[in-house]
Protein backbone atom coordinates (compact mmCIF):
# COMPACT_ATOMS: atom_id res chain seq x y z
CA MET A 1 -0.08 -0.09 0.21
CA SER A 2 1.39 3.36 -1.14
CA VAL A 3 0.99 6.84 0.68
CA GLN A 4 -2.01 8.49 -0.82
CA GLN A 5 -2.75 12.05 -1.72
CA SER A 6 -5.25 12.55 1.29
CA ASP A 7 -2.90 10.80 3.68
CA TYR A 8 -0.63 13.56 2.89
CA GLU A 9 -3.24 16.22 2.88
CA THR A 10 -4.59 15.20 6.25
CA LEU A 11 -1.53 15.52 8.20
CA LEU A 12 -0.82 18.90 6.39
CA ALA A 13 -4.28 20.10 7.51
CA GLU A 14 -3.71 18.78 11.21
CA TYR A 15 -0.14 20.03 11.76
CA SER A 16 -1.20 23.56 10.36
CA THR A 17 -3.38 24.35 13.55
CA ARG A 18 -1.41 25.18 16.73
CA ILE A 19 -2.85 22.09 18.59
CA GLY A 20 -1.99 19.56 16.01
CA ALA A 21 1.68 21.07 15.46
CA ILE A 22 1.92 20.88 19.52
CA ALA A 23 0.87 17.03 19.26
CA LEU A 24 3.64 16.71 16.69
CA LEU A 25 6.09 18.21 18.74
CA LYS A 26 5.12 16.05 21.81
CA GLN A 27 6.03 12.89 19.82
CA TYR A 28 9.88 14.19 19.49
CA ARG A 29 10.77 15.85 23.07
CA PRO A 30 13.82 17.54 22.17
CA TYR A 31 11.84 19.97 19.97
CA LEU A 32 8.81 19.72 22.66
CA GLU A 33 11.30 21.65 24.76
CA ALA A 34 11.90 24.23 22.49
CA ILE A 35 8.69 25.67 23.10
CA PRO A 36 9.21 29.04 25.14
CA SER A 37 6.61 28.56 27.19
CA ILE A 38 5.13 24.95 28.15
CA ARG A 39 2.45 26.41 30.30
CA ARG A 40 0.92 28.36 27.27
CA PRO A 41 2.33 26.48 24.29
CA GLU A 42 -0.41 27.45 21.96
CA GLN A 43 0.91 31.28 22.37
CA SER A 44 4.27 30.38 21.98
CA LEU A 45 4.45 29.10 18.43
CA ILE A 46 3.17 30.06 14.79
CA THR A 47 2.36 27.63 11.93
CA ILE A 48 3.07 28.43 8.43
CA PRO A 49 2.04 25.47 5.87
CA LEU A 50 3.73 25.93 2.42
CA PRO A 51 5.80 29.00 3.76
CA VAL A 52 7.26 31.67 1.53
CA VAL A 53 10.27 33.76 3.13
CA ARG A 54 11.70 37.17 1.50
CA ILE A 55 15.44 36.64 0.93
CA ARG A 56 17.33 39.93 0.80
CA ARG A 57 19.20 40.71 -2.16
CA PRO A 58 21.33 43.75 -1.56
CA GLU A 59 23.51 43.13 -4.74
CA LEU A 60 20.24 43.86 -6.80
CA ALA A 61 20.40 47.49 -5.35
CA SER A 62 23.88 48.04 -6.80
CA ASN A 63 22.72 50.57 -9.28
CA ASP A 64 20.48 52.46 -6.98
CA PRO A 65 22.90 54.73 -5.29
CA LEU A 66 20.33 55.94 -2.54
CA PRO A 67 17.96 52.78 -2.40
CA ASN A 68 15.30 53.14 0.31
CA ARG A 69 15.15 49.86 1.17
CA THR A 70 17.32 46.20 0.37
CA PRO A 71 15.43 44.37 -2.42
CA SER A 72 14.13 40.95 -1.53
CA ILE A 73 12.68 38.40 -3.73
CA ALA A 74 9.68 36.20 -2.14
CA THR A 75 10.52 32.52 -2.39
CA SER A 76 8.66 29.35 -1.57
CA ILE A 77 10.23 26.90 0.85
CA PRO A 78 10.34 23.32 -0.22
CA CYS A 79 8.99 22.11 3.05
CA ASP A 80 5.47 21.70 4.25
CA LEU A 81 5.37 23.45 7.48
CA GLY A 82 7.43 25.99 9.28
CA ILE A 83 6.88 26.16 12.92
CA LEU A 84 8.30 29.14 14.67
CA MET A 85 8.76 29.69 18.11
CA CYS A 86 7.56 33.09 19.64
CA ASP A 87 7.42 34.86 23.25
CA PRO A 88 3.82 34.87 24.48
CA GLU A 89 4.05 38.05 26.01
CA TRP A 90 5.99 40.12 23.74
CA LYS A 91 4.97 38.20 20.38
CA ILE A 92 8.70 38.16 19.28
CA LYS A 93 9.95 35.50 17.28
CA MET A 94 12.46 33.82 19.19
CA GLY A 95 14.78 30.36 19.56
CA ALA A 96 14.93 27.69 16.93
CA GLU A 97 12.87 26.99 13.87
CA ILE A 98 11.24 23.59 13.36
CA ILE A 99 11.15 22.87 9.42
CA VAL A 100 8.86 20.13 8.85
CA PHE A 101 8.64 17.54 6.07
CA ILE A 102 6.02 15.03 5.20
CA HIS A 103 6.24 12.04 2.92
CA ARG A 104 4.62 13.13 0.01
CA PRO A 105 2.91 10.38 -2.45
CA GLU A 106 5.89 9.26 -5.17
CA GLU A 107 8.28 10.75 -3.47
CA ASP A 108 11.59 8.62 -3.00
CA PHE A 109 14.23 9.19 -0.39
CA SER A 110 16.82 11.38 -2.31
CA ASP A 111 13.32 13.45 -3.32
CA LEU A 112 12.64 13.89 0.57
CA ILE A 113 16.57 14.87 1.54
CA ASN A 114 16.64 17.15 -1.30
CA ARG A 115 13.64 19.42 -0.28
CA TRP A 116 15.87 19.56 3.04
CA ARG A 117 18.87 20.20 1.19
CA GLN A 118 17.38 22.81 -0.70
CA THR A 119 15.84 24.64 2.38
CA GLN A 120 19.10 24.53 4.08
CA VAL A 121 20.47 26.88 1.18
CA TYR A 122 17.39 29.08 0.90
CA LEU A 123 17.53 29.87 4.93
CA ASP A 124 21.15 30.34 4.55
CA GLN A 125 20.74 33.91 3.62
CA ASP A 126 19.09 37.01 5.05
CA TYR A 127 15.60 36.40 5.06
CA GLU A 128 12.37 37.25 6.82
CA TRP A 129 9.15 34.78 6.78
CA LEU A 130 5.80 36.00 5.11
CA MET A 131 3.66 35.74 8.16
CA PRO A 132 0.06 34.71 8.55
CA PRO A 133 -2.40 37.65 8.40
CA ASN A 134 -3.50 37.26 12.22
CA GLU A 135 0.70 37.41 12.90
CA GLN A 136 1.50 40.33 10.80
CA HIS A 137 2.77 42.13 14.09
CA THR A 138 5.35 39.20 14.87
CA PHE A 139 8.96 40.02 14.28
CA SER A 140 9.85 37.44 11.64
CA GLU A 141 13.78 37.73 11.36
CA ALA A 142 16.17 34.60 10.55
CA ALA A 143 16.56 31.90 13.21
CA GLU A 144 19.71 31.15 15.28
CA GLU A 145 19.00 27.64 14.55
CA ILE A 146 16.96 25.73 11.86
CA ASN A 147 15.85 22.26 12.62
CA PRO A 148 14.22 19.53 10.47
CA LEU A 149 11.75 16.93 11.17
CA PHE A 150 10.58 14.49 8.98
CA VAL A 151 6.99 12.58 9.09
CA VAL A 152 6.58 9.29 7.25
CA PHE A 153 3.70 6.99 7.13
CA GLU A 154 3.28 3.39 8.06
CA ALA A 155 2.82 2.86 4.23
CA THR A 156 6.35 4.65 3.57
CA SER A 157 8.50 2.16 2.00
CA ASP A 158 11.50 1.03 4.31
CA ARG A 159 13.99 2.26 2.14
CA ILE A 160 13.14 5.74 3.19
CA LYS A 161 12.63 5.04 6.72
CA GLN A 162 16.39 3.10 6.92
CA GLY A 163 17.62 6.05 4.98
CA LEU A 164 16.50 8.81 7.50
CA ALA A 165 17.67 6.90 10.27
CA GLY A 166 21.02 5.90 8.90
CA ALA A 167 21.44 9.87 8.02
CA GLY A 168 20.46 10.64 11.60
CA PHE A 169 17.62 12.76 10.90
CA PRO A 170 14.79 12.72 13.66
CA PHE A 171 11.65 11.55 12.28
CA ILE A 172 8.49 9.91 13.28
CA VAL A 173 6.12 7.31 11.69
CA GLN A 174 2.67 8.71 12.11
CA SER A 175 -0.43 7.20 12.10
CA LEU A 176 -3.81 8.91 10.72
CA ASN A 177 -5.73 8.14 13.97
CA PHE A 178 -5.03 11.23 15.89
CA ASP A 179 -6.93 9.90 18.69
CA ASN A 180 -3.71 8.04 19.21
CA PHE A 181 -0.47 8.95 17.72
CA ASP A 182 1.50 6.12 16.98
CA GLN A 183 5.30 6.40 17.07
CA ARG A 184 7.54 3.52 16.04
CA SER A 185 10.89 2.99 17.31
CA GLN A 186 13.13 3.03 14.19
CA GLN A 187 16.80 1.39 13.91
CA ALA A 188 19.61 3.60 13.62
CA PRO A 189 23.59 3.46 14.08
CA SER A 190 23.88 3.76 17.96
CA SER A 191 25.66 7.27 17.65
CA TYR A 192 22.61 8.76 16.54
CA LEU A 193 20.15 7.00 19.16
CA SER A 194 18.81 8.46 22.36
CA SER A 195 15.78 7.42 24.62
CA ASN A 196 12.62 9.96 24.38
CA GLY A 197 11.50 9.15 27.69
CA ASP A 198 8.06 7.53 26.04
CA GLY A 199 9.60 4.23 25.05
CA GLY A 200 10.86 5.18 21.35
CA VAL A 201 13.71 5.73 20.07
CA ILE A 202 14.42 9.10 18.18
CA CYS A 203 17.54 10.08 15.66
CA ASP A 204 18.85 13.30 17.56
CA SER A 205 21.50 14.12 15.16
CA THR A 206 20.77 16.47 12.18
CA GLU A 207 22.86 17.19 9.42
């Protein structure tokens, strides 16, 4: 059984909500602990599905002796979801950004990893996020740290799961039963593994 488009769309829609994003992070404790306020988690993160960033390109202003602002180019990031941490009091983006990649139908291991590599290239520049309408007031400059999180399905091929584990990327095998998130233990080199405290095993080394 292969991954269906409806499966992908279901997870993308679920994780686009703050409650769904928090439920996702609960399955990978190092990222859950990055939330600025555990007491007010829904006010401490912003979700951006299929995000776009403005990448500043100062070289485009080289012919203008008195530029009013640095030129920027809107660029679609090839991930599925950006999770931004913010201070619940001051509404200032802070700390790390978590970039989520959901396994897409017909996508193989190299396709999935290449989306992360392209994202690294884009976000290695001076950028700012195009924020959701209700978060326009939030400071959205580049992050101190960018962290990937891969989500695969039970129907995802073992080749992809093996590749993610072997490369040391954090990933979750996700059931579509949202009443009972199903995280499976994955085999990876011992240097990449640590207990997540919930009886599972996580890959905690990223590239």
